[in-house]
C-alpha atoms as a PDB file:
ATOM      1  CA  MET A   1      25.425  39.575-112.845  1.00  0.00           C
ATOM      2  CA  ARG A   2      23.362  38.241-115.730  1.00  0.00           C
ATOM      3  CA  PRO A   3      22.990  40.118-119.033  1.00  0.00           C
ATOM      4  CA  LEU A   4      20.472  42.977-119.005  1.00  0.00           C
ATOM      5  CA  PHE A   5      18.042  41.382-121.418  1.00  0.00           C
ATOM      6  CA  PHE A   6      18.026  38.132-119.431  1.00  0.00           C
ATOM      7  CA  SER A   7      17.054  40.184-116.378  1.00  0.00           C
ATOM      8  CA  VAL A   8      14.330  41.922-118.382  1.00  0.00           C
ATOM      9  CA  LEU A   9      12.852  38.543-119.272  1.00  0.00           C
ATOM     10  CA  LYS A  10      13.218  37.188-115.736  1.00  0.00           C
ATOM     11  CA  TYR A  11      11.352  40.261-114.469  1.00  0.00           C
ATOM     12  CA  PHE A  12       8.213  38.936-116.150  1.00  0.00           C
ATOM     13  CA  THR A  13       8.370  35.474-114.572  1.00  0.00           C
ATOM     14  CA  ASP A  14       6.275  36.633-111.620  1.00  0.00           C
ATOM     15  CA  GLY A  15       3.297  36.751-113.989  1.00  0.00           C
ATOM     16  CA  LYS A  16       2.557  40.421-113.334  1.00  0.00           C
ATOM     17  CA  GLU A  17       1.881  43.054-115.949  1.00  0.00           C
ATOM     18  CA  ALA A  18       4.467  45.808-116.496  1.00  0.00           C
ATOM     19  CA  CYS A  19       5.421  48.570-118.890  1.00  0.00           C
ATOM     20  CA  ARG A  20       8.939  49.601-119.884  1.00  0.00           C
ATOM     21  CA  ALA A  21       9.144  52.182-117.098  1.00  0.00           C
ATOM     22  CA  ASP A  22       8.198  49.540-114.502  1.00  0.00           C
ATOM     23  CA  VAL A  23      10.975  47.254-115.734  1.00  0.00           C
ATOM     24  CA  GLN A  24      13.473  50.107-115.771  1.00  0.00           C
ATOM     25  CA  ASP A  25      12.530  51.167-112.242  1.00  0.00           C
ATOM     26  CA  ALA A  26      13.078  47.618-110.994  1.00  0.00           C
ATOM     27  CA  LEU A  27      16.433  47.159-112.749  1.00  0.00           C
ATOM     28  CA  ARG A  28      17.869  50.678-112.516  1.00  0.00           C
ATOM     29  CA  ALA A  29      20.154  49.983-109.529  1.00  0.00           C
ATOM     30  CA  GLN A  30      22.039  47.230-111.375  1.00  0.00           C
ATOM     31  CA  TYR A  31      21.793  48.298-115.013  1.00  0.00           C
ATOM     32  CA  GLY A  32      21.049  52.041-115.029  1.00  0.00           C
ATOM     33  CA  ASN A  33      24.405  52.969-116.536  1.00  0.00           C
ATOM     34  CA  PHE A  34      24.202  50.459-119.421  1.00  0.00           C
ATOM     35  CA  LYS A  35      23.807  51.956-122.899  1.00  0.00           C
ATOM     36  CA  ALA A  36      21.097  49.374-123.642  1.00  0.00           C
ATOM     37  CA  PHE A  37      19.094  50.657-120.649  1.00  0.00           C
ATOM     38  CA  LYS A  38      17.913  53.711-122.591  1.00  0.00           C
ATOM     39  CA  ASP A  39      14.207  53.911-123.400  1.00  0.00           C
ATOM     40  CA  HIS A  40      14.453  53.086-127.106  1.00  0.00           C
ATOM     41  CA  ALA A  41      16.681  50.042-126.525  1.00  0.00           C
ATOM     42  CA  MET A  42      14.422  48.740-123.755  1.00  0.00           C
ATOM     43  CA  ASP A  43      11.347  49.221-125.961  1.00  0.00           C
ATOM     44  CA  GLU A  44      13.094  47.251-128.696  1.00  0.00           C
ATOM     45  CA  ALA A  45      14.007  44.458-126.263  1.00  0.00           C
ATOM     46  CA  LEU A  46      10.407  44.200-125.039  1.00  0.00           C
ATOM     47  CA  MET A  47       9.029  44.186-128.585  1.00  0.00           C
ATOM     48  CA  THR A  48      11.535  41.482-129.546  1.00  0.00           C
ATOM     49  CA  ALA A  49      10.529  39.355-126.556  1.00  0.00           C
ATOM     50  CA  CYS A  50       6.913  39.849-127.575  1.00  0.00           C
ATOM     51  CA  SER A  51       7.631  38.915-131.206  1.00  0.00           C
ATOM     52  CA  ASN A  52       9.373  35.767-129.982  1.00  0.00           C
ATOM     53  CA  GLY A  53       6.352  34.757-127.906  1.00  0.00           C
ATOM     54  CA  LEU A  54       8.019  35.096-124.502  1.00  0.00           C
ATOM     55  CA  ILE A  55       5.777  37.935-123.344  1.00  0.00           C
ATOM     56  CA  ASP A  56       2.513  39.368-124.680  1.00  0.00           C
ATOM     57  CA  GLU A  57       1.152  42.873-125.009  1.00  0.00           C
ATOM     58  CA  SER A  58      -1.594  43.064-122.394  1.00  0.00           C
ATOM     59  CA  ARG A  59      -2.933  46.612-122.723  1.00  0.00           C
ATOM     60  CA  TYR A  60      -2.213  50.143-123.897  1.00  0.00           C
ATOM     61  CA  GLU A  61      -2.786  53.586-122.446  1.00  0.00           C
ATOM     62  CA  LEU A  62      -1.659  57.163-122.948  1.00  0.00           C
ATOM     63  CA  ASP A  63       0.513  58.815-120.321  1.00  0.00           C
ATOM     64  CA  LYS A  64       0.010  62.389-119.084  1.00  0.00           C
ATOM     65  CA  ASP A  65       2.013  63.675-122.072  1.00  0.00           C
ATOM     66  CA  GLY A  66      -0.106  61.756-124.581  1.00  0.00           C
ATOM     67  CA  LYS A  67       2.589  59.147-125.294  1.00  0.00           C
ATOM     68  CA  LEU A  68       1.648  55.514-125.802  1.00  0.00           C
ATOM     69  CA  VAL A  69       2.495  53.167-122.925  1.00  0.00           C
ATOM     70  CA  ILE A  70       2.464  49.451-123.741  1.00  0.00           C
ATOM     71  CA  TYR A  71       2.030  46.927-120.951  1.00  0.00           C
ATOM     72  CA  TYR A  72       3.360  43.381-121.237  1.00  0.00           C
ATOM     73  CA  LYS A  73       2.719  40.165-119.368  1.00  0.00           C
ATOM     74  CA  ALA A  74       4.124  36.654-119.672  1.00  0.00           C
ATOM     75  CA  SER A  75       1.769  33.715-120.076  1.00  0.00           C
ATOM     76  CA  GLN A  76       2.486  30.547-118.122  1.00  0.00           C
ATOM     77  CA  GLU A  77       4.038  29.068-121.262  1.00  0.00           C
ATOM     78  CA  GLY A  78       6.281  32.133-121.609  1.00  0.00           C
ATOM     79  CA  ILE A  79       7.255  31.943-117.939  1.00  0.00           C
ATOM     80  CA  ASP A  80       8.115  28.257-118.290  1.00  0.00           C
ATOM     81  CA  THR A  81      10.201  28.934-121.410  1.00  0.00           C
ATOM     82  CA  ILE A  82      12.090  31.831-119.803  1.00  0.00           C
ATOM     83  CA  ASN A  83      12.787  29.797-116.664  1.00  0.00           C
ATOM     84  CA  ASN A  84      13.901  26.822-118.739  1.00  0.00           C
ATOM     85  CA  TYR A  85      16.568  28.842-120.539  1.00  0.00           C
ATOM     86  CA  ILE A  86      17.526  31.376-117.868  1.00  0.00           C
ATOM     87  CA  LYS A  87      18.255  29.655-114.577  1.00  0.00           C
ATOM     88  CA  ASP A  88      18.218  31.530-111.265  1.00  0.00           C
END
């Protein structure tokens, strides 16, 4: 099993847009019991990936509770970089 944050990055290599909850839903079976799987740690990982240019913020919306939901998407350059460093 690869490290959680590698799997978070690899999740975006399909080119689709996703928010933190989407990523968590997809990875929950393998990583749900990891301490770093908690919302705040996952948000930090996504923001770090964004700051490093691997993924981009694509849009924002408010959920039913009025909380901000940030969506991310990897550009082709980001996908190529992720795939170059994290092999399948």
